[in-house]
Protein backbone atom coordinates (compact mmCIF):
# COMPACT_ATOMS: atom_id res chain seq x y z
CA MET A 1 -18.58 25.26 24.79
CA ASP A 2 -18.11 22.86 22.26
CA HIS A 3 -21.96 22.16 21.52
CA ASP A 4 -22.27 26.23 20.85
CA LEU A 5 -19.18 26.47 18.78
CA GLY A 6 -20.22 23.61 16.37
CA THR A 7 -23.64 23.91 15.96
CA ARG A 8 -24.21 27.72 16.30
CA VAL A 9 -23.74 30.68 13.54
CA ARG A 10 -23.11 32.96 16.27
CA PRO A 11 -21.86 31.06 19.03
CA VAL A 12 -22.65 33.28 22.39
CA THR A 13 -19.83 31.34 24.25
CA PRO A 14 -17.33 34.32 23.12
CA LEU A 15 -19.45 36.65 24.19
CA LEU A 16 -19.20 35.33 28.06
CA ALA A 17 -15.89 37.80 27.98
CA ILE A 18 -18.30 40.74 28.52
CA LEU A 19 -19.02 39.32 32.19
CA PRO A 20 -16.41 40.41 33.72
CA PHE A 21 -16.79 43.42 32.83
CA VAL A 22 -20.11 44.54 33.45
CA LEU A 23 -19.31 42.89 37.15
CA ALA A 24 -16.42 45.45 37.28
CA GLY A 25 -18.62 47.97 36.23
CA ALA A 26 -21.82 47.30 38.78
CA ILE A 27 -19.63 47.12 41.30
CA GLN A 28 -16.86 50.52 40.61
CA SER A 29 -19.50 52.78 42.77
CA HIS A 30 -19.85 50.63 45.89
CA VAL A 31 -15.86 49.92 46.62
CA GLY A 32 -12.76 52.50 46.16
CA THR A 33 -10.86 54.00 44.02
CA THR A 34 -8.19 51.71 44.38
CA ALA A 35 -10.42 48.30 44.04
CA ALA A 36 -12.45 50.04 41.40
CA THR A 37 -9.03 49.31 39.90
CA TRP A 38 -7.83 45.85 40.60
CA ALA A 39 -11.28 45.00 39.39
CA TRP A 40 -10.80 46.22 36.55
CA VAL A 41 -7.95 44.68 35.87
CA ILE A 42 -9.07 41.00 37.35
CA ALA A 43 -11.49 41.65 34.70
CA GLY A 44 -9.38 42.15 31.78
CA ILE A 45 -7.31 39.43 32.71
CA ALA A 46 -10.24 36.62 32.97
CA ALA A 47 -12.03 38.07 29.77
CA SER A 48 -8.25 37.32 28.04
CA ALA A 49 -7.37 34.26 29.48
CA TRP A 50 -11.60 33.09 28.18
CA THR A 51 -11.13 34.33 25.03
CA ALA A 52 -8.03 32.53 24.73
CA PHE A 53 -9.59 29.79 25.82
CA THR A 54 -12.92 30.16 23.49
CA ALA A 55 -10.60 30.08 20.82
CA TRP A 56 -8.47 27.24 21.42
CA ARG A 57 -11.37 25.07 21.36
CA ALA A 58 -12.41 26.89 18.33
CA TYR A 59 -9.20 26.37 16.33
CA ARG A 60 -9.46 22.44 18.01
CA LEU A 61 -13.11 22.06 16.69
CA PHE A 62 -12.04 24.15 12.59
CA LYS A 63 -9.20 20.89 13.23
CA ALA A 64 -12.17 18.55 13.60
CA PHE A 65 -14.23 19.68 11.30
CA ALA A 66 -12.29 19.99 8.63
CA ALA A 67 -10.27 16.32 9.44
CA ARG A 68 -14.13 14.50 8.79
CA GLY A 69 -14.69 16.41 5.35
CA ASP A 70 -11.36 15.23 4.25
CA ARG A 71 -12.02 11.88 4.83
CA GLN A 72 -15.40 12.46 3.16
CA PHE A 73 -13.96 13.24 0.52
CA ASP A 74 -11.46 10.27 0.41
CA ALA A 75 -14.49 7.68 0.80
CA ARG A 76 -16.71 9.22 -1.57
CA ASP A 77 -16.80 12.80 -2.64
CA LYS A 78 -13.65 12.52 -5.05
CA PHE A 79 -15.87 9.40 -7.64
CA ALA A 80 -18.52 12.24 -7.97
CA LEU A 81 -15.46 14.09 -9.53
CA ALA A 82 -14.32 13.74 -13.01
CA PRO A 83 -11.98 10.12 -13.23
CA GLU A 84 -8.24 11.90 -12.89
CA TYR A 85 -9.38 13.18 -9.51
CA HIS A 86 -10.27 9.55 -8.05
CA ALA A 87 -6.42 8.35 -7.25
CA SER A 88 -6.22 12.33 -5.76
CA GLY A 89 -6.14 12.33 -1.51
CA SER A 90 -7.51 15.36 0.41
CA ALA A 91 -4.46 17.36 2.22
CA THR A 92 -5.15 15.79 5.28
CA LYS A 93 -4.02 12.37 3.54
CA ALA A 94 -1.10 13.85 2.19
CA LYS A 95 0.12 15.51 5.22
CA TRP A 96 -0.46 11.37 7.02
CA LYS A 97 1.48 10.42 4.37
CA ARG A 98 4.33 12.74 4.60
CA ARG A 99 4.45 12.02 8.17
CA ILE A 100 4.76 8.05 7.71
CA ALA A 101 7.68 8.78 5.27
CA ARG A 102 9.70 10.93 7.79
CA GLN A 103 9.20 8.37 10.62
CA ARG A 104 10.55 5.37 7.99
CA LYS A 105 13.62 7.28 7.35
C-alpha cells in the first residue's frame, strides 16, 4: 500500500473501497431482501474503514516526504539561495527546536 501511494500519480489503493459495493451488488439478486440490505450495510462499513485506513497511511507518507524534503533543504538546498538564507532552517527544524525548548522548561 505504501509503495502504491508513494510512487503513483493516481494510486489504485483508494479505489479498492469500491470492491465491497461490487460484491454486494453481485449477490443482491441471489439473496433475500434482508440479506441484501445487510450486504450493503456491511459493504458501506468495509469501504469506510478501508478509506479511513488509506487516508491515514497517505497522511503518514505525506509527513515522511515533507520531512525528507526539509532535511534536504537544511543540508543542501538553502545554500543554493542568496547568502542571507544560509542561516535559515526548515519548518521541521523549527518545530523540533520549539519542542526541545519546551522540554527544557
